[in-house]
């Protein structure tokens, strides 16, 4: 019960994002317009930029508590007609957990318009005595290349405001709308910015920079929210493997760490 109460506190502090959606290693978590790599559950349109089959695994440890951790895996497969992706994310522990599974389709029509659609199934396990309940929800993403170096992205997560209800227990699934940009100053330096708006919460701003001094190494710095949460991360490429880490520090709750391992076939 102590952990459930603490989880409720965390959800209240981060009401703009769904708990089950893992954070990304993008600078400042500004991921919706980060063209070139697909982050599952953040913007399905970015799947269209994947030109090789790839698999990713994510582990997010919130505030150094394993009960608040999120694990996710995703798989992307480009085809001649439409790119296809699947992803599964799990949050929680034995007495409370959430599961989110989705299948994604994305296609670029021209540089002005890339569209992605994701169909998600969300379920929550309230307790061993209550059991689990689920709901199907949609996700829609757009990406536009305004200039060769300027991209605009949009994502709508659960726009129909689906929720899960079991007897007197109601679990609202956040409806989050995100609008973001990415500007490429050079091939080595990118700036990202984004605003997220959950229906019943104030908007949250995110921004950050990514700098890649050499082809095998990248460093990221940024921040988001109020109170301001700074982020710092780095990534390494070795043959077909990409390994990325990111750290966030909440002024009251402490450090959240994120690790991502990606393999490109």
C-alpha atoms as a PDB file:
ATOM      1  CA  UNK A   1       0.000   0.000   0.000  1.00  0.00           C
ATOM      2  CA  UNK A   2       2.904   2.347   0.690  1.00  0.00           C
ATOM      3  CA  UNK A   3       4.188   1.940  -2.858  1.00  0.00           C
ATOM      4  CA  UNK A   4       0.746   2.450  -4.372  1.00  0.00           C
ATOM      5  CA  UNK A   5       0.351   5.685  -2.425  1.00  0.00           C
ATOM      6  CA  UNK A   6       3.763   6.847  -3.583  1.00  0.00           C
ATOM      7  CA  UNK A   7       2.921   5.928  -7.173  1.00  0.00           C
ATOM      8  CA  UNK A   8      -0.220   8.067  -6.956  1.00  0.00           C
ATOM      9  CA  UNK A   9       1.943  10.959  -5.788  1.00  0.00           C
ATOM     10  CA  UNK A  10       4.279  10.497  -8.742  1.00  0.00           C
ATOM     11  CA  UNK A  11       1.374  10.328 -11.192  1.00  0.00           C
ATOM     12  CA  UNK A  12       0.036  13.589  -9.829  1.00  0.00           C
ATOM     13  CA  UNK A  13       3.385  15.303 -10.290  1.00  0.00           C
ATOM     14  CA  UNK A  14       3.668  14.025 -13.859  1.00  0.00           C
ATOM     15  CA  UNK A  15       0.049  14.120 -14.941  1.00  0.00           C
ATOM     16  CA  UNK A  16       0.948  15.297 -18.431  1.00  0.00           C
ATOM     17  CA  UNK A  17       2.319  11.899 -19.460  1.00  0.00           C
ATOM     18  CA  UNK A  18       0.992   8.395 -19.158  1.00  0.00           C
ATOM     19  CA  UNK A  19       2.828   6.416 -16.477  1.00  0.00           C
ATOM     20  CA  UNK A  20       3.118   3.363 -18.685  1.00  0.00           C
ATOM     21  CA  UNK A  21       4.836   5.264 -21.536  1.00  0.00           C
ATOM     22  CA  UNK A  22       8.604   5.040 -21.000  1.00  0.00           C
ATOM     23  CA  UNK A  23      10.645   8.229 -21.205  1.00  0.00           C
ATOM     24  CA  UNK A  24      13.095   8.613 -24.062  1.00  0.00           C
ATOM     25  CA  UNK A  25      16.785   9.409 -24.128  1.00  0.00           C
ATOM     26  CA  UNK A  26      16.082  12.474 -26.309  1.00  0.00           C
ATOM     27  CA  UNK A  27      17.465  15.722 -24.912  1.00  0.00           C
ATOM     28  CA  UNK A  28      14.952  17.086 -22.414  1.00  0.00           C
ATOM     29  CA  UNK A  29      12.616  14.199 -23.407  1.00  0.00           C
ATOM     30  CA  UNK A  30      11.657  16.307 -26.474  1.00  0.00           C
ATOM     31  CA  UNK A  31      11.086  13.374 -28.812  1.00  0.00           C
ATOM     32  CA  UNK A  32       8.022  14.105 -30.949  1.00  0.00           C
ATOM     33  CA  UNK A  33       9.976  15.712 -33.823  1.00  0.00           C
ATOM     34  CA  UNK A  34      13.282  13.841 -33.409  1.00  0.00           C
ATOM     35  CA  UNK A  35      13.485  12.599 -36.984  1.00  0.00           C
ATOM     36  CA  UNK A  36      15.678   9.583 -37.657  1.00  0.00           C
ATOM     37  CA  UNK A  37      14.679   7.168 -34.915  1.00  0.00           C
ATOM     38  CA  UNK A  38      11.368   5.772 -33.655  1.00  0.00           C
ATOM     39  CA  UNK A  39      10.495   5.954 -29.978  1.00  0.00           C
ATOM     40  CA  UNK A  40       7.584   3.608 -29.282  1.00  0.00           C
ATOM     41  CA  UNK A  41       4.442   5.332 -27.900  1.00  0.00           C
ATOM     42  CA  UNK A  42       5.823   8.870 -28.518  1.00  0.00           C
ATOM     43  CA  UNK A  43       5.147   9.618 -32.205  1.00  0.00           C
ATOM     44  CA  UNK A  44       4.198   6.753 -34.543  1.00  0.00           C
ATOM     45  CA  UNK A  45       5.049   8.886 -37.600  1.00  0.00           C
ATOM     46  CA  UNK A  46       8.765   8.643 -36.760  1.00  0.00           C
ATOM     47  CA  UNK A  47       8.619   4.932 -37.582  1.00  0.00           C
ATOM     48  CA  UNK A  48       8.605   5.913 -41.274  1.00  0.00           C
ATOM     49  CA  UNK A  49      12.223   7.112 -40.992  1.00  0.00           C
ATOM     50  CA  UNK A  50      13.452   3.618 -40.089  1.00  0.00           C
ATOM     51  CA  UNK A  51      15.131   2.110 -43.159  1.00  0.00           C
ATOM     52  CA  UNK A  52      16.437  -1.089 -41.543  1.00  0.00           C
ATOM     53  CA  UNK A  53      14.953  -3.759 -39.310  1.00  0.00           C
ATOM     54  CA  UNK A  54      15.744  -2.954 -35.670  1.00  0.00           C
ATOM     55  CA  UNK A  55      14.935  -4.069 -32.127  1.00  0.00           C
ATOM     56  CA  UNK A  56      15.144  -2.017 -28.915  1.00  0.00           C
ATOM     57  CA  UNK A  57      14.941  -2.653 -25.178  1.00  0.00           C
ATOM     58  CA  UNK A  58      14.353   0.100 -22.601  1.00  0.00           C
ATOM     59  CA  UNK A  59      14.645   0.112 -18.831  1.00  0.00           C
ATOM     60  CA  UNK A  60      13.555   3.160 -16.824  1.00  0.00           C
ATOM     61  CA  UNK A  61      14.137   3.301 -13.061  1.00  0.00           C
ATOM     62  CA  UNK A  62      12.154   6.150 -11.532  1.00  0.00           C
ATOM     63  CA  UNK A  63      13.569   7.697  -8.387  1.00  0.00           C
ATOM     64  CA  UNK A  64      15.752   4.613  -7.721  1.00  0.00           C
ATOM     65  CA  UNK A  65      12.725   2.466  -6.784  1.00  0.00           C
ATOM     66  CA  UNK A  66      12.323  -0.820  -8.631  1.00  0.00           C
ATOM     67  CA  UNK A  67       8.563  -0.759  -7.934  1.00  0.00           C
ATOM     68  CA  UNK A  68       8.356   2.351 -10.152  1.00  0.00           C
ATOM     69  CA  UNK A  69      10.364   0.907 -13.027  1.00  0.00           C
ATOM     70  CA  UNK A  70       9.235   0.567 -16.638  1.00  0.00           C
ATOM     71  CA  UNK A  71      10.497  -2.038 -19.105  1.00  0.00           C
ATOM     72  CA  UNK A  72       9.737  -1.854 -22.808  1.00  0.00           C
ATOM     73  CA  UNK A  73      10.705  -3.634 -26.017  1.00  0.00           C
ATOM     74  CA  UNK A  74      10.012  -2.625 -29.608  1.00  0.00           C
ATOM     75  CA  UNK A  75      10.589  -3.985 -33.097  1.00  0.00           C
ATOM     76  CA  UNK A  76      10.567  -2.006 -36.357  1.00  0.00           C
ATOM     77  CA  UNK A  77      10.323  -3.434 -39.873  1.00  0.00           C
ATOM     78  CA  UNK A  78      10.385  -1.225 -42.997  1.00  0.00           C
ATOM     79  CA  UNK A  79       8.566  -2.393 -46.136  1.00  0.00           C
ATOM     80  CA  UNK A  80       8.039  -0.921 -49.596  1.00  0.00           C
ATOM     81  CA  UNK A  81       4.473   0.181 -48.795  1.00  0.00           C
ATOM     82  CA  UNK A  82       4.369   0.974 -45.091  1.00  0.00           C
ATOM     83  CA  UNK A  83       6.670   0.597 -42.101  1.00  0.00           C
ATOM     84  CA  UNK A  84       5.389  -1.671 -39.334  1.00  0.00           C
ATOM     85  CA  UNK A  85       6.332  -1.674 -35.664  1.00  0.00           C
ATOM     86  CA  UNK A  86       5.270  -3.488 -32.505  1.00  0.00           C
ATOM     87  CA  UNK A  87       5.993  -2.510 -28.909  1.00  0.00           C
ATOM     88  CA  UNK A  88       5.183  -3.637 -25.368  1.00  0.00           C
ATOM     89  CA  UNK A  89       5.703  -1.667 -22.144  1.00  0.00           C
ATOM     90  CA  UNK A  90       5.268  -2.799 -18.523  1.00  0.00           C
ATOM     91  CA  UNK A  91       5.181  -0.648 -15.385  1.00  0.00           C
ATOM     92  CA  UNK A  92       4.862  -1.592 -11.716  1.00  0.00           C
ATOM     93  CA  UNK A  93       5.303  -4.609  -9.488  1.00  0.00           C
ATOM     94  CA  UNK A  94       3.290  -7.591  -8.163  1.00  0.00           C
ATOM     95  CA  UNK A  95       0.562  -5.620  -6.344  1.00  0.00           C
ATOM     96  CA  UNK A  96       0.037  -2.982  -9.026  1.00  0.00           C
ATOM     97  CA  UNK A  97       1.069  -3.020 -12.673  1.00  0.00           C
ATOM     98  CA  UNK A  98       0.190  -1.593 -16.076  1.00  0.00           C
ATOM     99  CA  UNK A  99       0.725  -3.075 -19.532  1.00  0.00           C
ATOM    100  CA  UNK A 100       0.648  -1.240 -22.856  1.00  0.00           C
ATOM    101  CA  UNK A 101       1.015  -3.069 -26.174  1.00  0.00           C
ATOM    102  CA  UNK A 102       0.763  -1.485 -29.595  1.00  0.00           C
ATOM    103  CA  UNK A 103       1.105  -2.076 -33.317  1.00  0.00           C
ATOM    104  CA  UNK A 104       2.192   0.837 -35.513  1.00  0.00           C
ATOM    105  CA  UNK A 105       1.899   1.699 -39.204  1.00  0.00           C
ATOM    106  CA  UNK A 106       3.697   4.670 -40.746  1.00  0.00           C
ATOM    107  CA  UNK A 107       4.344   6.033 -44.214  1.00  0.00           C
ATOM    108  CA  UNK A 108       5.955   9.116 -45.762  1.00  0.00           C
ATOM    109  CA  UNK A 109       3.879  10.595 -48.593  1.00  0.00           C
ATOM    110  CA  UNK A 110       6.260  13.474 -49.301  1.00  0.00           C
ATOM    111  CA  UNK A 111       8.618  15.668 -47.282  1.00  0.00           C
ATOM    112  CA  UNK A 112       5.663  17.703 -46.048  1.00  0.00           C
ATOM    113  CA  UNK A 113       3.631  14.821 -44.696  1.00  0.00           C
ATOM    114  CA  UNK A 114       4.468  11.666 -42.793  1.00  0.00           C
ATOM    115  CA  UNK A 115       1.598   9.911 -41.008  1.00  0.00           C
ATOM    116  CA  UNK A 116       1.702   7.229 -38.341  1.00  0.00           C
ATOM    117  CA  UNK A 117      -1.159   5.375 -36.649  1.00  0.00           C
ATOM    118  CA  UNK A 118      -0.805   3.148 -33.624  1.00  0.00           C
ATOM    119  CA  UNK A 119      -3.409   0.870 -32.068  1.00  0.00           C
ATOM    120  CA  UNK A 120      -2.744   0.251 -28.380  1.00  0.00           C
ATOM    121  CA  UNK A 121      -4.162  -2.109 -25.792  1.00  0.00           C
ATOM    122  CA  UNK A 122      -3.825  -0.866 -22.210  1.00  0.00           C
ATOM    123  CA  UNK A 123      -4.507  -3.001 -19.134  1.00  0.00           C
ATOM    124  CA  UNK A 124      -4.092  -2.347 -15.435  1.00  0.00           C
ATOM    125  CA  UNK A 125      -3.789  -4.937 -12.679  1.00  0.00           C
ATOM    126  CA  UNK A 126      -5.260  -3.294  -9.572  1.00  0.00           C
ATOM    127  CA  UNK A 127      -4.450  -6.123  -7.157  1.00  0.00           C
ATOM    128  CA  UNK A 128      -4.560  -9.897  -6.882  1.00  0.00           C
ATOM    129  CA  UNK A 129      -8.108  -9.726  -5.508  1.00  0.00           C
ATOM    130  CA  UNK A 130      -9.522  -7.254  -8.054  1.00  0.00           C
ATOM    131  CA  UNK A 131      -7.759  -8.561 -11.157  1.00  0.00           C
ATOM    132  CA  UNK A 132      -7.049  -6.670 -14.368  1.00  0.00           C
ATOM    133  CA  UNK A 133      -9.114  -4.641 -16.829  1.00  0.00           C
ATOM    134  CA  UNK A 134      -8.182  -3.252 -20.219  1.00  0.00           C
ATOM    135  CA  UNK A 135      -9.146  -0.876 -23.011  1.00  0.00           C
ATOM    136  CA  UNK A 136      -8.216  -0.254 -26.637  1.00  0.00           C
ATOM    137  CA  UNK A 137      -6.995   3.234 -27.493  1.00  0.00           C
ATOM    138  CA  UNK A 138      -5.653   5.007 -30.555  1.00  0.00           C
ATOM    139  CA  UNK A 139      -2.562   7.100 -31.198  1.00  0.00           C
ATOM    140  CA  UNK A 140      -1.941   9.368 -34.182  1.00  0.00           C
ATOM    141  CA  UNK A 141       1.300  11.047 -35.219  1.00  0.00           C
ATOM    142  CA  UNK A 142       2.412  13.513 -37.900  1.00  0.00           C
ATOM    143  CA  UNK A 143       5.811  14.728 -39.079  1.00  0.00           C
ATOM    144  CA  UNK A 144       6.595  17.482 -41.582  1.00  0.00           C
ATOM    145  CA  UNK A 145       9.950  18.561 -43.019  1.00  0.00           C
ATOM    146  CA  UNK A 146       9.422  22.302 -43.416  1.00  0.00           C
ATOM    147  CA  UNK A 147      12.999  22.949 -44.606  1.00  0.00           C
ATOM    148  CA  UNK A 148      15.950  20.588 -45.076  1.00  0.00           C
ATOM    149  CA  UNK A 149      16.944  21.233 -41.447  1.00  0.00           C
ATOM    150  CA  UNK A 150      13.629  22.050 -39.696  1.00  0.00           C
ATOM    151  CA  UNK A 151      11.072  19.414 -38.680  1.00  0.00           C
ATOM    152  CA  UNK A 152       7.684  19.724 -36.968  1.00  0.00           C
ATOM    153  CA  UNK A 153       6.057  16.788 -35.192  1.00  0.00           C
ATOM    154  CA  UNK A 154       2.677  16.151 -33.590  1.00  0.00           C
ATOM    155  CA  UNK A 155       1.360  13.258 -31.509  1.00  0.00           C
ATOM    156  CA  UNK A 156      -2.061  12.529 -30.007  1.00  0.00           C
ATOM    157  CA  UNK A 157      -2.082   9.764 -27.392  1.00  0.00           C
ATOM    158  CA  UNK A 158      -5.562   8.473 -26.472  1.00  0.00           C
ATOM    159  CA  UNK A 159      -7.452  11.353 -28.157  1.00  0.00           C
ATOM    160  CA  UNK A 160     -10.813   9.643 -27.513  1.00  0.00           C
ATOM    161  CA  UNK A 161     -10.184   9.733 -23.719  1.00  0.00           C
ATOM    162  CA  UNK A 162     -10.605   6.021 -23.072  1.00  0.00           C
ATOM    163  CA  UNK A 163     -10.588   4.871 -19.449  1.00  0.00           C
ATOM    164  CA  UNK A 164     -10.635   1.636 -17.499  1.00  0.00           C
ATOM    165  CA  UNK A 165     -13.402   0.933 -14.994  1.00  0.00           C
ATOM    166  CA  UNK A 166     -13.961  -2.037 -12.709  1.00  0.00           C
ATOM    167  CA  UNK A 167     -16.884  -1.748 -10.264  1.00  0.00           C
ATOM    168  CA  UNK A 168     -16.168   1.482  -8.339  1.00  0.00           C
ATOM    169  CA  UNK A 169     -12.537   1.762  -9.493  1.00  0.00           C
ATOM    170  CA  UNK A 170     -11.888   4.095 -12.421  1.00  0.00           C
ATOM    171  CA  UNK A 171      -8.437   4.483 -13.947  1.00  0.00           C
ATOM    172  CA  UNK A 172      -8.184   7.478 -16.263  1.00  0.00           C
ATOM    173  CA  UNK A 173      -5.801   6.968 -19.165  1.00  0.00           C
ATOM    174  CA  UNK A 174      -4.216  10.355 -19.904  1.00  0.00           C
ATOM    175  CA  UNK A 175      -5.059  12.008 -23.224  1.00  0.00           C
ATOM    176  CA  UNK A 176      -1.831  13.766 -24.200  1.00  0.00           C
ATOM    177  CA  UNK A 177      -1.286  16.045 -27.196  1.00  0.00           C
ATOM    178  CA  UNK A 178       2.302  16.920 -28.116  1.00  0.00           C
ATOM    179  CA  UNK A 179       3.690  19.462 -30.578  1.00  0.00           C
ATOM    180  CA  UNK A 180       7.415  19.756 -31.149  1.00  0.00           C
ATOM    181  CA  UNK A 181      10.196  20.917 -33.438  1.00  0.00           C
ATOM    182  CA  UNK A 182      13.737  19.874 -34.305  1.00  0.00           C
ATOM    183  CA  UNK A 183      16.266  22.213 -35.895  1.00  0.00           C
ATOM    184  CA  UNK A 184      19.551  20.921 -37.262  1.00  0.00           C
ATOM    185  CA  UNK A 185      22.201  23.658 -36.974  1.00  0.00           C
ATOM    186  CA  UNK A 186      24.816  21.291 -38.401  1.00  0.00           C
ATOM    187  CA  UNK A 187      25.112  17.539 -38.830  1.00  0.00           C
ATOM    188  CA  UNK A 188      26.671  17.491 -35.350  1.00  0.00           C
ATOM    189  CA  UNK A 189      24.313  19.849 -33.439  1.00  0.00           C
ATOM    190  CA  UNK A 190      20.517  19.642 -33.086  1.00  0.00           C
ATOM    191  CA  UNK A 191      18.016  21.600 -31.008  1.00  0.00           C
ATOM    192  CA  UNK A 192      14.716  20.071 -29.883  1.00  0.00           C
ATOM    193  CA  UNK A 193      11.691  21.676 -28.258  1.00  0.00           C
ATOM    194  CA  UNK A 194       8.245  20.372 -27.396  1.00  0.00           C
ATOM    195  CA  UNK A 195       5.078  21.158 -25.473  1.00  0.00           C
ATOM    196  CA  UNK A 196       2.808  18.443 -24.019  1.00  0.00           C
ATOM    197  CA  UNK A 197      -0.780  19.130 -22.992  1.00  0.00           C
ATOM    198  CA  UNK A 198      -2.894  16.668 -21.056  1.00  0.00           C
ATOM    199  CA  UNK A 199      -6.623  17.465 -21.103  1.00  0.00           C
ATOM    200  CA  UNK A 200      -6.930  18.171 -17.368  1.00  0.00           C
ATOM    201  CA  UNK A 201      -3.407  19.509 -16.677  1.00  0.00           C
ATOM    202  CA  UNK A 202      -1.242  22.493 -17.439  1.00  0.00           C
ATOM    203  CA  UNK A 203       1.075  22.297 -20.470  1.00  0.00           C
ATOM    204  CA  UNK A 204       4.629  21.136 -19.909  1.00  0.00           C
ATOM    205  CA  UNK A 205       7.561  22.503 -21.918  1.00  0.00           C
ATOM    206  CA  UNK A 206      10.598  20.455 -22.930  1.00  0.00           C
ATOM    207  CA  UNK A 207      13.805  21.442 -24.676  1.00  0.00           C
ATOM    208  CA  UNK A 208      17.373  20.311 -25.174  1.00  0.00           C
ATOM    209  CA  UNK A 209      20.432  19.989 -27.414  1.00  0.00           C
ATOM    210  CA  UNK A 210      22.161  16.977 -28.940  1.00  0.00           C
ATOM    211  CA  UNK A 211      25.831  17.203 -29.947  1.00  0.00           C
ATOM    212  CA  UNK A 212      27.663  14.466 -31.851  1.00  0.00           C
ATOM    213  CA  UNK A 213      31.394  15.321 -32.006  1.00  0.00           C
ATOM    214  CA  UNK A 214      32.260  11.964 -33.630  1.00  0.00           C
ATOM    215  CA  UNK A 215      30.147   9.382 -35.422  1.00  0.00           C
ATOM    216  CA  UNK A 216      30.249   6.880 -32.545  1.00  0.00           C
ATOM    217  CA  UNK A 217      29.438   9.205 -29.642  1.00  0.00           C
ATOM    218  CA  UNK A 218      26.688  11.703 -28.801  1.00  0.00           C
ATOM    219  CA  UNK A 219      25.963  13.836 -25.727  1.00  0.00           C
ATOM    220  CA  UNK A 220      22.579  15.310 -24.762  1.00  0.00           C
ATOM    221  CA  UNK A 221      21.534  18.038 -22.319  1.00  0.00           C
ATOM    222  CA  UNK A 222      18.141  19.580 -21.630  1.00  0.00           C
ATOM    223  CA  UNK A 223      15.253  19.837 -19.220  1.00  0.00           C
ATOM    224  CA  UNK A 224      11.504  20.123 -18.784  1.00  0.00           C
ATOM    225  CA  UNK A 225       8.642  20.816 -16.410  1.00  0.00           C
ATOM    226  CA  UNK A 226       7.861  22.991 -13.430  1.00  0.00           C
ATOM    227  CA  UNK A 227       9.642  22.463 -11.145  1.00  0.00           C
ATOM    228  CA  UNK A 228      12.434  22.274 -13.711  1.00  0.00           C
ATOM    229  CA  UNK A 229      13.887  18.781 -14.188  1.00  0.00           C
ATOM    230  CA  UNK A 230      17.349  18.801 -15.820  1.00  0.00           C
ATOM    231  CA  UNK A 231      18.388  15.907 -18.051  1.00  0.00           C
ATOM    232  CA  UNK A 232      21.801  14.672 -19.116  1.00  0.00           C
ATOM    233  CA  UNK A 233      22.576  11.746 -21.393  1.00  0.00           C
ATOM    234  CA  UNK A 234      25.011  10.126 -23.779  1.00  0.00           C
ATOM    235  CA  UNK A 235      25.025   7.501 -26.504  1.00  0.00           C
ATOM    236  CA  UNK A 236      27.576   5.143 -28.030  1.00  0.00           C
ATOM    237  CA  UNK A 237      27.464   3.294 -31.362  1.00  0.00           C
ATOM    238  CA  UNK A 238      29.443   0.086 -31.857  1.00  0.00           C
ATOM    239  CA  UNK A 239      28.968  -1.885 -35.054  1.00  0.00           C
ATOM    240  CA  UNK A 240      25.218  -2.710 -35.160  1.00  0.00           C
ATOM    241  CA  UNK A 241      24.604  -1.797 -31.503  1.00  0.00           C
ATOM    242  CA  UNK A 242      23.483   1.542 -30.043  1.00  0.00           C
ATOM    243  CA  UNK A 243      23.585   2.065 -26.282  1.00  0.00           C
ATOM    244  CA  UNK A 244      22.083   5.194 -24.717  1.00  0.00           C
ATOM    245  CA  UNK A 245      21.715   6.367 -21.134  1.00  0.00           C
ATOM    246  CA  UNK A 246      19.874   9.346 -19.705  1.00  0.00           C
ATOM    247  CA  UNK A 247      19.506  10.800 -16.218  1.00  0.00           C
ATOM    248  CA  UNK A 248      16.879  13.168 -14.818  1.00  0.00           C
ATOM    249  CA  UNK A 249      16.835  14.814 -11.408  1.00  0.00           C
ATOM    250  CA  UNK A 250      13.570  15.847  -9.760  1.00  0.00           C
ATOM    251  CA  UNK A 251      14.248  18.435  -7.018  1.00  0.00           C
ATOM    252  CA  UNK A 252      12.121  16.524  -4.462  1.00  0.00           C
ATOM    253  CA  UNK A 253      11.920  12.901  -5.605  1.00  0.00           C
ATOM    254  CA  UNK A 254      15.450  12.298  -6.847  1.00  0.00           C
ATOM    255  CA  UNK A 255      17.047  10.699  -9.893  1.00  0.00           C
ATOM    256  CA  UNK A 256      15.450   8.759 -12.734  1.00  0.00           C
ATOM    257  CA  UNK A 257      17.757   6.738 -14.967  1.00  0.00           C
ATOM    258  CA  UNK A 258      17.000   5.389 -18.446  1.00  0.00           C
ATOM    259  CA  UNK A 259      18.980   2.819 -20.419  1.00  0.00           C
ATOM    260  CA  UNK A 260      18.309   1.817 -24.030  1.00  0.00           C
ATOM    261  CA  UNK A 261      19.923  -0.948 -26.090  1.00  0.00           C
ATOM    262  CA  UNK A 262      19.192  -0.982 -29.829  1.00  0.00           C
ATOM    263  CA  UNK A 263      20.308  -3.446 -32.495  1.00  0.00           C
ATOM    264  CA  UNK A 264      20.060  -2.731 -36.214  1.00  0.00           C
ATOM    265  CA  UNK A 265      19.989  -5.831 -38.397  1.00  0.00           C
END
